Amino acid sequence: MSRYRGPRLRVTRRLGDLPGLTRKAAKRSHPPGQHGQARRKRSEYAIRLEEKQKLRFNYGISERQLVRYVKKARAQEGSTGTNLLKLLENRLDNVCFRIGFGPTIPGARQLVNHGHVTVNGKITDIASYQCKAGDVIAIRDNKGSQQLAQANLEFPGLANVPPHLELDKSKLTAKITARTDREWVALEINELLVVEYYSRKV
């Protein structure tokens, strides 16, 4: 099983705020474990590893998938780090989360996997589907699907919908109008450290 199914607050206590993973806030601020409260000097490798783990846990992908995304980002023109974030932001489960159809990325993934979401009129149940500018994402014309999405839209995981997404709440549809801007990535991360982490491995 590649997906993380363990305690989520344990991860956020170690790595910091991950809006895609959970909406809950940890009561304790120090990292988990016996030595969590002790101050320790982190190595350069540990700092880069933590940045990489932020991406993995926030977007809910496996190590193998992340390596694949890094290779794809490297093959594209421009900054590898920015390309990597754009690839992850354009995943269908993340787009559904940013619109508000799902409370978290795992919640949005379940919505997609269960066939509640359509892309350009066709049911798409692949969470890793790469959305493009011009794609229309909607909730299936089904009473149960629409009630589920409407309940999630009342309490979205993030307050603001990015400007490259046009949401019509009454019709439960959204259109991707442009490519994702780096400034609208909700996760606080230094993507250059992630690229450096993989520079020797990939």
N, C-alpha and C. Protein backbone atom coordinates (compact mmCIF):
# COMPACT_ATOMS: atom_id res chain seq x y z
N MET A 1 0.85 -1.20 0.00
CA MET A 1 0.00 0.00 0.00
C MET A 1 0.88 1.25 0.00
N SER A 2 0.76 2.03 -1.04
CA SER A 2 1.62 3.20 -1.17
C SER A 2 1.06 4.42 -0.44
N ARG A 3 -0.27 4.46 -0.27
CA ARG A 3 -0.86 5.63 0.37
C ARG A 3 -0.67 5.58 1.88
N TYR A 4 -0.43 6.73 2.46
CA TYR A 4 -0.25 6.81 3.91
C TYR A 4 -1.62 6.70 4.59
N ARG A 5 -1.75 5.76 5.53
CA ARG A 5 -3.02 5.56 6.22
C ARG A 5 -2.89 5.74 7.73
N GLY A 6 -1.75 6.21 8.18
CA GLY A 6 -1.49 6.36 9.61
C GLY A 6 -2.04 7.66 10.17
N PRO A 7 -1.69 7.99 11.41
CA PRO A 7 -2.17 9.23 12.05
C PRO A 7 -1.63 10.48 11.35
N ARG A 8 -2.54 11.35 10.94
CA ARG A 8 -2.13 12.52 10.14
C ARG A 8 -1.52 13.64 10.99
N LEU A 9 -2.04 13.82 12.20
CA LEU A 9 -1.51 14.89 13.05
C LEU A 9 -0.06 14.61 13.45
N ARG A 10 0.29 13.35 13.50
CA ARG A 10 1.68 12.98 13.79
C ARG A 10 2.61 13.51 12.70
N VAL A 11 2.13 13.45 11.46
CA VAL A 11 2.91 13.95 10.32
C VAL A 11 3.01 15.47 10.36
N THR A 12 1.89 16.14 10.64
CA THR A 12 1.90 17.61 10.65
C THR A 12 2.74 18.16 11.80
N ARG A 13 2.80 17.44 12.91
CA ARG A 13 3.65 17.87 14.02
C ARG A 13 5.13 17.80 13.63
N ARG A 14 5.45 16.85 12.79
CA ARG A 14 6.85 16.68 12.39
C ARG A 14 7.23 17.62 11.24
N LEU A 15 6.32 17.79 10.27
CA LEU A 15 6.66 18.52 9.04
C LEU A 15 6.06 19.92 8.96
N GLY A 16 5.13 20.25 9.84
CA GLY A 16 4.49 21.56 9.76
C GLY A 16 3.12 21.46 9.12
N ASP A 17 2.50 22.59 8.86
CA ASP A 17 1.13 22.62 8.32
C ASP A 17 1.07 22.05 6.91
N LEU A 18 0.19 21.05 6.71
CA LEU A 18 -0.02 20.44 5.39
C LEU A 18 -1.51 20.55 5.07
N PRO A 19 -1.94 21.62 4.38
CA PRO A 19 -3.38 21.85 4.16
C PRO A 19 -4.07 20.75 3.37
N GLY A 20 -3.32 20.05 2.52
CA GLY A 20 -3.93 19.00 1.73
C GLY A 20 -4.16 17.71 2.49
N LEU A 21 -3.43 17.51 3.58
CA LEU A 21 -3.50 16.24 4.32
C LEU A 21 -4.61 16.24 5.35
N THR A 22 -4.73 17.30 6.15
CA THR A 22 -5.74 17.34 7.20
C THR A 22 -6.13 18.78 7.52
N ARG A 23 -7.34 18.94 8.06
CA ARG A 23 -7.82 20.26 8.46
C ARG A 23 -7.66 20.46 9.96
N LYS A 24 -7.31 19.40 10.68
CA LYS A 24 -7.18 19.49 12.13
C LYS A 24 -5.86 20.13 12.51
N ALA A 25 -5.83 20.71 13.69
CA ALA A 25 -4.61 21.31 14.23
C ALA A 25 -4.16 20.49 15.44
N ALA A 26 -2.87 20.23 15.51
CA ALA A 26 -2.33 19.45 16.62
C ALA A 26 -2.32 20.27 17.91
N LYS A 27 -2.61 19.64 19.04
CA LYS A 27 -2.61 20.33 20.33
C LYS A 27 -1.19 20.60 20.81
N ARG A 28 -0.28 19.70 20.45
CA ARG A 28 1.12 19.86 20.86
C ARG A 28 1.94 20.36 19.68
N SER A 29 2.85 21.27 19.94
CA SER A 29 3.62 21.88 18.85
C SER A 29 4.92 21.15 18.56
N HIS A 30 5.45 20.41 19.53
CA HIS A 30 6.73 19.74 19.31
C HIS A 30 6.55 18.47 18.48
N PRO A 31 7.61 18.03 17.79
CA PRO A 31 7.52 16.81 16.96
C PRO A 31 7.19 15.58 17.80
N PRO A 32 6.62 14.54 17.19
CA PRO A 32 6.26 13.34 17.94
C PRO A 32 7.49 12.53 18.34
N GLY A 33 7.28 11.59 19.24
CA GLY A 33 8.36 10.70 19.63
C GLY A 33 9.01 11.09 20.94
N GLN A 34 9.81 10.18 21.47
CA GLN A 34 10.45 10.36 22.77
C GLN A 34 11.37 11.58 22.81
N HIS A 35 12.03 11.88 21.69
CA HIS A 35 13.00 12.97 21.65
C HIS A 35 12.46 14.19 20.89
N GLY A 36 11.14 14.24 20.72
CA GLY A 36 10.55 15.33 19.95
C GLY A 36 10.75 16.69 20.57
N GLN A 37 10.74 16.75 21.92
CA GLN A 37 10.86 18.05 22.59
C GLN A 37 12.30 18.54 22.69
N ALA A 38 13.24 17.62 22.52
CA ALA A 38 14.65 18.01 22.60
C ALA A 38 15.07 18.72 21.32
N ARG A 39 15.79 19.81 21.44
CA ARG A 39 16.28 20.52 20.26
C ARG A 39 17.45 19.75 19.66
N ARG A 40 17.36 19.53 18.39
CA ARG A 40 18.44 18.81 17.74
C ARG A 40 18.89 19.58 16.50
N LYS A 41 20.16 19.49 16.21
CA LYS A 41 20.67 20.15 15.01
C LYS A 41 20.45 19.21 13.83
N ARG A 42 19.74 19.72 12.84
CA ARG A 42 19.44 18.89 11.66
C ARG A 42 20.54 19.01 10.62
N SER A 43 20.85 17.91 9.98
CA SER A 43 21.87 17.92 8.93
C SER A 43 21.27 18.49 7.64
N GLU A 44 22.14 18.79 6.69
CA GLU A 44 21.68 19.30 5.39
C GLU A 44 20.77 18.28 4.71
N TYR A 45 21.15 17.01 4.86
CA TYR A 45 20.34 15.94 4.25
C TYR A 45 18.95 15.90 4.89
N ALA A 46 18.89 16.03 6.21
CA ALA A 46 17.60 15.98 6.93
C ALA A 46 16.67 17.11 6.50
N ILE A 47 17.23 18.29 6.27
CA ILE A 47 16.43 19.45 5.84
C ILE A 47 15.81 19.17 4.48
N ARG A 48 16.60 18.64 3.55
CA ARG A 48 16.11 18.33 2.20
C ARG A 48 15.09 17.18 2.23
N LEU A 49 15.35 16.20 3.08
CA LEU A 49 14.43 15.07 3.22
C LEU A 49 13.07 15.54 3.72
N GLU A 50 13.06 16.44 4.69
CA GLU A 50 11.79 16.94 5.23
C GLU A 50 10.99 17.69 4.17
N GLU A 51 11.68 18.49 3.34
CA GLU A 51 10.98 19.22 2.27
C GLU A 51 10.35 18.24 1.28
N LYS A 52 11.10 17.17 0.97
CA LYS A 52 10.58 16.15 0.05
C LYS A 52 9.37 15.44 0.67
N GLN A 53 9.44 15.14 1.96
CA GLN A 53 8.34 14.45 2.64
C GLN A 53 7.09 15.33 2.70
N LYS A 54 7.29 16.65 2.78
CA LYS A 54 6.13 17.57 2.75
C LYS A 54 5.34 17.37 1.47
N LEU A 55 6.03 17.31 0.34
CA LEU A 55 5.36 17.10 -0.95
C LEU A 55 4.63 15.76 -0.96
N ARG A 56 5.32 14.72 -0.53
CA ARG A 56 4.75 13.37 -0.54
C ARG A 56 3.46 13.29 0.27
N PHE A 57 3.51 13.77 1.51
CA PHE A 57 2.35 13.62 2.39
C PHE A 57 1.23 14.59 2.03
N ASN A 58 1.57 15.81 1.61
CA ASN A 58 0.54 16.78 1.27
C ASN A 58 -0.27 16.33 0.06
N TYR A 59 0.40 15.84 -0.98
CA TYR A 59 -0.30 15.44 -2.20
C TYR A 59 -0.68 13.96 -2.21
N GLY A 60 -0.26 13.22 -1.17
CA GLY A 60 -0.67 11.82 -1.04
C GLY A 60 -0.14 10.93 -2.13
N ILE A 61 1.15 11.07 -2.46
CA ILE A 61 1.74 10.25 -3.52
C ILE A 61 2.86 9.39 -2.95
N SER A 62 3.19 8.34 -3.68
CA SER A 62 4.26 7.44 -3.24
C SER A 62 5.62 7.98 -3.68
N GLU A 63 6.66 7.38 -3.16
CA GLU A 63 8.03 7.78 -3.53
C GLU A 63 8.27 7.56 -5.02
N ARG A 64 7.77 6.44 -5.52
CA ARG A 64 7.95 6.12 -6.94
C ARG A 64 7.25 7.15 -7.83
N GLN A 65 6.04 7.55 -7.43
CA GLN A 65 5.32 8.56 -8.20
C GLN A 65 6.06 9.89 -8.19
N LEU A 66 6.59 10.27 -7.02
CA LEU A 66 7.30 11.54 -6.91
C LEU A 66 8.55 11.55 -7.78
N VAL A 67 9.27 10.44 -7.81
CA VAL A 67 10.46 10.33 -8.67
C VAL A 67 10.06 10.52 -10.13
N ARG A 68 8.94 9.93 -10.50
CA ARG A 68 8.44 10.05 -11.88
C ARG A 68 8.11 11.50 -12.21
N TYR A 69 7.48 12.20 -11.25
CA TYR A 69 7.15 13.62 -11.46
C TYR A 69 8.42 14.47 -11.57
N VAL A 70 9.44 14.15 -10.78
CA VAL A 70 10.70 14.90 -10.84
C VAL A 70 11.35 14.73 -12.22
N LYS A 71 11.35 13.52 -12.74
CA LYS A 71 11.92 13.26 -14.07
C LYS A 71 11.15 14.02 -15.15
N LYS A 72 9.82 14.03 -15.02
CA LYS A 72 8.99 14.73 -16.00
C LYS A 72 9.23 16.25 -15.92
N ALA A 73 9.36 16.76 -14.69
CA ALA A 73 9.60 18.20 -14.49
C ALA A 73 10.96 18.61 -15.05
N ARG A 74 11.95 17.73 -14.91
CA ARG A 74 13.29 18.00 -15.41
C ARG A 74 13.32 18.06 -16.93
N ALA A 75 12.47 17.27 -17.57
CA ALA A 75 12.43 17.21 -19.04
C ALA A 75 11.75 18.44 -19.65
N GLN A 76 10.99 19.18 -18.85
CA GLN A 76 10.29 20.36 -19.35
C GLN A 76 11.19 21.60 -19.28
N GLU A 77 10.81 22.62 -20.05
CA GLU A 77 11.57 23.88 -20.02
C GLU A 77 11.26 24.65 -18.75
N GLY A 78 12.23 25.43 -18.30
CA GLY A 78 12.03 26.26 -17.12
C GLY A 78 12.58 25.63 -15.86
N SER A 79 12.20 26.20 -14.72
CA SER A 79 12.68 25.74 -13.42
C SER A 79 12.09 24.37 -13.08
N THR A 80 12.96 23.42 -12.73
CA THR A 80 12.50 22.07 -12.39
C THR A 80 11.58 22.10 -11.18
N GLY A 81 11.92 22.88 -10.16
CA GLY A 81 11.11 22.96 -8.95
C GLY A 81 9.72 23.49 -9.22
N THR A 82 9.63 24.56 -10.00
CA THR A 82 8.32 25.15 -10.33
C THR A 82 7.51 24.19 -11.19
N ASN A 83 8.17 23.54 -12.14
CA ASN A 83 7.48 22.55 -12.99
C ASN A 83 6.92 21.41 -12.16
N LEU A 84 7.69 20.99 -11.16
CA LEU A 84 7.26 19.89 -10.29
C LEU A 84 5.99 20.27 -9.53
N LEU A 85 5.99 21.49 -8.96
CA LEU A 85 4.81 21.94 -8.21
C LEU A 85 3.59 22.07 -9.12
N LYS A 86 3.80 22.53 -10.35
CA LYS A 86 2.69 22.68 -11.29
C LYS A 86 2.10 21.32 -11.67
N LEU A 87 2.97 20.32 -11.86
CA LEU A 87 2.49 18.97 -12.17
C LEU A 87 1.63 18.42 -11.04
N LEU A 88 2.08 18.63 -9.81
CA LEU A 88 1.34 18.14 -8.65
C LEU A 88 0.03 18.92 -8.45
N GLU A 89 0.08 20.22 -8.70
CA GLU A 89 -1.13 21.04 -8.54
C GLU A 89 -2.18 20.70 -9.59
N ASN A 90 -1.75 20.20 -10.76
CA ASN A 90 -2.69 19.89 -11.85
C ASN A 90 -3.29 18.49 -11.75
N ARG A 91 -2.94 17.74 -10.71
CA ARG A 91 -3.58 16.44 -10.50
C ARG A 91 -5.07 16.66 -10.23
N LEU A 92 -5.91 15.76 -10.73
CA LEU A 92 -7.36 15.93 -10.61
C LEU A 92 -7.81 15.97 -9.15
N ASP A 93 -7.22 15.13 -8.30
CA ASP A 93 -7.64 15.14 -6.89
C ASP A 93 -7.31 16.47 -6.23
N ASN A 94 -6.15 17.06 -6.58
CA ASN A 94 -5.79 18.36 -6.00
C ASN A 94 -6.68 19.47 -6.52
N VAL A 95 -7.02 19.44 -7.80
CA VAL A 95 -7.91 20.47 -8.38
C VAL A 95 -9.27 20.43 -7.70
N CYS A 96 -9.79 19.20 -7.46
CA CYS A 96 -11.08 19.07 -6.77
C CYS A 96 -11.00 19.61 -5.34
N PHE A 97 -9.85 19.42 -4.70
CA PHE A 97 -9.64 19.97 -3.36
C PHE A 97 -9.59 21.49 -3.39
N ARG A 98 -8.86 22.06 -4.35
CA ARG A 98 -8.74 23.53 -4.43
C ARG A 98 -10.07 24.19 -4.76
N ILE A 99 -10.92 23.50 -5.54
CA ILE A 99 -12.24 24.03 -5.85
C ILE A 99 -13.13 24.01 -4.61
N GLY A 100 -12.96 22.96 -3.80
CA GLY A 100 -13.78 22.80 -2.60
C GLY A 100 -14.69 21.59 -2.65
N PHE A 101 -14.58 20.77 -3.72
CA PHE A 101 -15.40 19.57 -3.82
C PHE A 101 -15.03 18.55 -2.75
N GLY A 102 -13.78 18.59 -2.29
CA GLY A 102 -13.32 17.68 -1.25
C GLY A 102 -12.72 18.46 -0.10
N PRO A 103 -12.89 18.02 1.16
CA PRO A 103 -12.37 18.76 2.31
C PRO A 103 -10.85 18.72 2.42
N THR A 104 -10.26 17.63 1.95
CA THR A 104 -8.80 17.46 1.92
C THR A 104 -8.47 16.75 0.61
N ILE A 105 -7.17 16.60 0.31
CA ILE A 105 -6.80 15.87 -0.91
C ILE A 105 -7.20 14.39 -0.82
N PRO A 106 -7.00 13.69 0.33
CA PRO A 106 -7.51 12.32 0.42
C PRO A 106 -9.03 12.24 0.23
N GLY A 107 -9.77 13.24 0.77
CA GLY A 107 -11.22 13.28 0.59
C GLY A 107 -11.60 13.50 -0.87
N ALA A 108 -10.86 14.39 -1.54
CA ALA A 108 -11.11 14.65 -2.97
C ALA A 108 -10.75 13.42 -3.80
N ARG A 109 -9.69 12.71 -3.40
CA ARG A 109 -9.29 11.49 -4.13
C ARG A 109 -10.39 10.43 -4.05
N GLN A 110 -10.99 10.30 -2.87
CA GLN A 110 -12.08 9.33 -2.72
C GLN A 110 -13.27 9.71 -3.60
N LEU A 111 -13.55 11.01 -3.69
CA LEU A 111 -14.63 11.51 -4.54
C LEU A 111 -14.38 11.12 -6.00
N VAL A 112 -13.13 11.28 -6.43
CA VAL A 112 -12.75 10.94 -7.82
C VAL A 112 -12.80 9.43 -8.04
N ASN A 113 -12.20 8.68 -7.12
CA ASN A 113 -12.13 7.22 -7.26
C ASN A 113 -13.49 6.54 -7.30
N HIS A 114 -14.47 7.15 -6.62
CA HIS A 114 -15.80 6.57 -6.58
C HIS A 114 -16.68 7.03 -7.75
N GLY A 115 -16.09 7.75 -8.69
CA GLY A 115 -16.80 8.11 -9.92
C GLY A 115 -17.78 9.26 -9.80
N HIS A 116 -17.57 10.16 -8.84
CA HIS A 116 -18.48 11.30 -8.66
C HIS A 116 -18.10 12.49 -9.55
N VAL A 117 -16.89 12.46 -10.15
CA VAL A 117 -16.37 13.63 -10.87
C VAL A 117 -16.27 13.34 -12.37
N THR A 118 -16.63 14.34 -13.17
CA THR A 118 -16.47 14.23 -14.62
C THR A 118 -15.49 15.29 -15.11
N VAL A 119 -14.75 14.95 -16.16
CA VAL A 119 -13.85 15.90 -16.83
C VAL A 119 -14.29 15.99 -18.28
N ASN A 120 -14.69 17.18 -18.69
CA ASN A 120 -15.21 17.41 -20.04
C ASN A 120 -16.36 16.46 -20.38
N GLY A 121 -17.22 16.22 -19.38
CA GLY A 121 -18.42 15.41 -19.62
C GLY A 121 -18.23 13.92 -19.44
N LYS A 122 -17.01 13.45 -19.22
CA LYS A 122 -16.76 12.02 -19.07
C LYS A 122 -16.35 11.71 -17.63
N ILE A 123 -16.91 10.64 -17.07
CA ILE A 123 -16.54 10.24 -15.70
C ILE A 123 -15.07 9.84 -15.69
N THR A 124 -14.30 10.46 -14.82
CA THR A 124 -12.87 10.18 -14.69
C THR A 124 -12.59 9.77 -13.25
N ASP A 125 -12.16 8.52 -13.08
CA ASP A 125 -11.92 8.02 -11.72
C ASP A 125 -10.44 7.81 -11.43
N ILE A 126 -9.58 8.53 -12.17
CA ILE A 126 -8.13 8.44 -11.96
C ILE A 126 -7.68 9.73 -11.28
N ALA A 127 -7.27 9.62 -10.03
CA ALA A 127 -6.91 10.81 -9.23
C ALA A 127 -5.69 11.53 -9.77
N SER A 128 -4.79 10.81 -10.44
CA SER A 128 -3.55 11.43 -10.94
C SER A 128 -3.72 12.05 -12.33
N TYR A 129 -4.94 12.06 -12.86
CA TYR A 129 -5.20 12.66 -14.18
C TYR A 129 -4.68 14.09 -14.21
N GLN A 130 -3.89 14.42 -15.24
CA GLN A 130 -3.32 15.76 -15.38
C GLN A 130 -4.31 16.69 -16.07
N CYS A 131 -4.84 17.64 -15.31
CA CYS A 131 -5.79 18.61 -15.86
C CYS A 131 -5.05 19.66 -16.70
N LYS A 132 -5.71 20.13 -17.75
CA LYS A 132 -5.12 21.12 -18.65
C LYS A 132 -6.03 22.36 -18.71
N ALA A 133 -5.46 23.45 -19.19
CA ALA A 133 -6.25 24.67 -19.37
C ALA A 133 -7.37 24.38 -20.37
N GLY A 134 -8.58 24.77 -20.02
CA GLY A 134 -9.73 24.51 -20.87
C GLY A 134 -10.59 23.36 -20.39
N ASP A 135 -10.06 22.52 -19.52
CA ASP A 135 -10.83 21.39 -18.98
C ASP A 135 -11.97 21.88 -18.10
N VAL A 136 -13.11 21.21 -18.21
CA VAL A 136 -14.26 21.53 -17.35
C VAL A 136 -14.48 20.36 -16.39
N ILE A 137 -14.37 20.65 -15.11
CA ILE A 137 -14.52 19.62 -14.07
C ILE A 137 -15.87 19.84 -13.41
N ALA A 138 -16.64 18.77 -13.29
CA ALA A 138 -17.98 18.89 -12.73
C ALA A 138 -18.31 17.67 -11.87
N ILE A 139 -19.33 17.84 -11.05
CA ILE A 139 -19.85 16.72 -10.27
C ILE A 139 -20.91 16.02 -11.11
N ARG A 140 -20.87 14.71 -11.10
CA ARG A 140 -21.79 13.91 -11.92
C ARG A 140 -23.25 14.27 -11.63
N ASP A 141 -24.09 14.16 -12.64
CA ASP A 141 -25.51 14.48 -12.51
C ASP A 141 -26.21 13.36 -11.75
N ASN A 142 -25.95 13.35 -10.45
CA ASN A 142 -26.47 12.30 -9.59
C ASN A 142 -26.77 12.95 -8.24
N LYS A 143 -27.93 12.67 -7.67
CA LYS A 143 -28.35 13.35 -6.45
C LYS A 143 -27.36 13.14 -5.30
N GLY A 144 -26.91 11.90 -5.11
CA GLY A 144 -25.97 11.59 -4.04
C GLY A 144 -24.65 12.31 -4.21
N SER A 145 -24.14 12.32 -5.46
CA SER A 145 -22.86 12.99 -5.76
C SER A 145 -22.95 14.47 -5.49
N GLN A 146 -24.05 15.08 -5.91
CA GLN A 146 -24.21 16.53 -5.76
C GLN A 146 -24.39 16.94 -4.30
N GLN A 147 -25.11 16.12 -3.53
CA GLN A 147 -25.27 16.44 -2.11
C GLN A 147 -23.93 16.38 -1.38
N LEU A 148 -23.11 15.41 -1.76
CA LEU A 148 -21.79 15.25 -1.15
C LEU A 148 -20.92 16.47 -1.44
N ALA A 149 -20.91 16.91 -2.71
CA ALA A 149 -20.10 18.06 -3.10
C ALA A 149 -20.60 19.36 -2.47
N GLN A 150 -21.92 19.52 -2.41
CA GLN A 150 -22.49 20.74 -1.81
C GLN A 150 -22.16 20.84 -0.33
N ALA A 151 -22.19 19.70 0.37
CA ALA A 151 -21.84 19.69 1.80
C ALA A 151 -20.38 20.09 2.00
N ASN A 152 -19.51 19.62 1.11
CA ASN A 152 -18.08 19.98 1.20
C ASN A 152 -17.84 21.44 0.85
N LEU A 153 -18.61 21.98 -0.10
CA LEU A 153 -18.44 23.38 -0.51
C LEU A 153 -18.81 24.36 0.59
N GLU A 154 -19.68 23.94 1.51
CA GLU A 154 -20.07 24.82 2.62
C GLU A 154 -18.90 25.07 3.57
N PHE A 155 -18.00 24.07 3.68
CA PHE A 155 -16.83 24.21 4.56
C PHE A 155 -15.57 23.77 3.80
N PRO A 156 -15.11 24.58 2.83
CA PRO A 156 -13.95 24.19 2.01
C PRO A 156 -12.68 24.16 2.85
N GLY A 157 -11.74 23.32 2.42
CA GLY A 157 -10.46 23.20 3.13
C GLY A 157 -9.65 24.48 3.10
N LEU A 158 -9.68 25.19 1.96
CA LEU A 158 -8.98 26.47 1.82
C LEU A 158 -9.98 27.55 1.46
N ALA A 159 -9.79 28.74 2.00
CA ALA A 159 -10.78 29.81 1.85
C ALA A 159 -10.87 30.33 0.42
N ASN A 160 -9.72 30.44 -0.26
CA ASN A 160 -9.71 31.09 -1.57
C ASN A 160 -9.53 30.10 -2.71
N VAL A 161 -10.33 30.27 -3.76
CA VAL A 161 -10.16 29.49 -4.98
C VAL A 161 -9.14 30.22 -5.85
N PRO A 162 -8.09 29.54 -6.35
CA PRO A 162 -7.08 30.21 -7.17
C PRO A 162 -7.68 30.86 -8.42
N PRO A 163 -7.07 31.95 -8.91
CA PRO A 163 -7.65 32.67 -10.06
C PRO A 163 -7.68 31.87 -11.36
N HIS A 164 -6.88 30.78 -11.46
CA HIS A 164 -6.90 30.00 -12.71
C HIS A 164 -8.06 29.00 -12.73
N LEU A 165 -8.86 28.98 -11.65
CA LEU A 165 -10.03 28.10 -11.59
C LEU A 165 -11.29 28.95 -11.47
N GLU A 166 -12.25 28.72 -12.36
CA GLU A 166 -13.53 29.44 -12.32
C GLU A 166 -14.60 28.49 -11.81
N LEU A 167 -15.12 28.75 -10.63
CA LEU A 167 -16.09 27.86 -9.99
C LEU A 167 -17.50 28.42 -10.11
N ASP A 168 -18.44 27.56 -10.54
CA ASP A 168 -19.86 27.88 -10.55
C ASP A 168 -20.54 26.99 -9.52
N LYS A 169 -20.78 27.55 -8.33
CA LYS A 169 -21.32 26.75 -7.22
C LYS A 169 -22.72 26.21 -7.52
N SER A 170 -23.53 26.99 -8.23
CA SER A 170 -24.91 26.57 -8.49
C SER A 170 -24.96 25.34 -9.40
N LYS A 171 -24.03 25.27 -10.36
CA LYS A 171 -24.00 24.14 -11.30
C LYS A 171 -23.00 23.06 -10.90
N LEU A 172 -22.22 23.34 -9.84
CA LEU A 172 -21.17 22.42 -9.38
C LEU A 172 -20.19 22.08 -10.50
N THR A 173 -19.76 23.11 -11.21
CA THR A 173 -18.78 22.95 -12.28
C THR A 173 -17.64 23.95 -12.09
N ALA A 174 -16.52 23.63 -12.64
CA ALA A 174 -15.36 24.54 -12.59
C ALA A 174 -14.58 24.39 -13.89
N LYS A 175 -14.01 25.50 -14.33
CA LYS A 175 -13.21 25.48 -15.55
C LYS A 175 -11.80 25.96 -15.24
N ILE A 176 -10.83 25.26 -15.83
CA ILE A 176 -9.43 25.67 -15.68
C ILE A 176 -9.14 26.66 -16.80
N THR A 177 -8.84 27.89 -16.44
CA THR A 177 -8.68 28.94 -17.46
C THR A 177 -7.22 29.17 -17.85
N ALA A 178 -6.29 28.78 -16.98
CA ALA A 178 -4.87 29.03 -17.27
C ALA A 178 -4.02 28.04 -16.49
N ARG A 179 -2.70 28.15 -16.64
CA ARG A 179 -1.79 27.29 -15.88
C ARG A 179 -1.65 27.82 -14.45
N THR A 180 -1.28 26.93 -13.55
CA THR A 180 -1.13 27.29 -12.14
C THR A 180 0.04 28.25 -11.93
N ASP A 181 -0.16 29.28 -11.12
CA ASP A 181 0.93 30.19 -10.74
C ASP A 181 1.58 29.68 -9.46
N ARG A 182 2.89 29.83 -9.37
CA ARG A 182 3.63 29.36 -8.20
C ARG A 182 3.12 30.01 -6.91
N GLU A 183 2.72 31.27 -6.99
CA GLU A 183 2.31 31.99 -5.78
C GLU A 183 1.02 31.46 -5.18
N TRP A 184 0.23 30.69 -5.96
CA TRP A 184 -1.03 30.16 -5.46
C TRP A 184 -0.92 28.74 -4.93
N VAL A 185 0.30 28.21 -4.84
CA VAL A 185 0.50 26.90 -4.21
C VAL A 185 0.34 27.09 -2.71
N ALA A 186 -0.59 26.37 -2.11
CA ALA A 186 -0.95 26.60 -0.69
C ALA A 186 0.12 26.09 0.27
N LEU A 187 0.92 25.14 -0.18
CA LEU A 187 1.92 24.52 0.70
C LEU A 187 3.15 25.40 0.83
N GLU A 188 3.61 25.62 2.06
CA GLU A 188 4.84 26.38 2.29
C GLU A 188 6.02 25.43 2.13
N ILE A 189 6.75 25.60 1.04
CA ILE A 189 7.83 24.66 0.73
C ILE A 189 8.90 25.33 -0.10
N ASN A 190 10.13 24.87 0.06
CA ASN A 190 11.25 25.31 -0.78
C ASN A 190 11.51 24.20 -1.79
N GLU A 191 10.93 24.34 -2.97
CA GLU A 191 11.02 23.26 -3.97
C GLU A 191 12.44 23.02 -4.47
N LEU A 192 13.31 24.03 -4.35
CA LEU A 192 14.70 23.85 -4.79
C LEU A 192 15.41 22.80 -3.95
N LEU A 193 15.06 22.72 -2.66
CA LEU A 193 15.66 21.70 -1.80
C LEU A 193 15.22 20.30 -2.20
N VAL A 194 14.00 20.19 -2.71
CA VAL A 194 13.50 18.89 -3.19
C VAL A 194 14.27 18.47 -4.43
N VAL A 195 14.51 19.43 -5.33
CA VAL A 195 15.29 19.14 -6.55
C VAL A 195 16.70 18.74 -6.18
N GLU A 196 17.29 19.44 -5.19
CA GLU A 196 18.64 19.10 -4.74
C GLU A 196 18.66 17.69 -4.12
N TYR A 197 17.61 17.34 -3.39
CA TYR A 197 17.54 16.00 -2.76
C TYR A 197 17.62 14.92 -3.83
N TYR A 198 16.93 15.14 -4.95
CA TYR A 198 16.88 14.12 -6.00
C TYR A 198 18.02 14.24 -7.01
N SER A 199 18.83 15.29 -6.93
CA SER A 199 19.89 15.50 -7.92
C SER A 199 20.91 14.35 -7.94
N ARG A 200 21.15 13.73 -6.78
CA ARG A 200 22.10 12.62 -6.73
C ARG A 200 21.41 11.26 -6.87
N LYS A 201 20.09 11.25 -6.69
CA LYS A 201 19.37 9.98 -6.68
C LYS A 201 18.74 9.64 -8.02
N VAL A 202 18.33 10.67 -8.77
CA VAL A 202 17.62 10.44 -10.03
C VAL A 202 18.48 10.84 -11.21
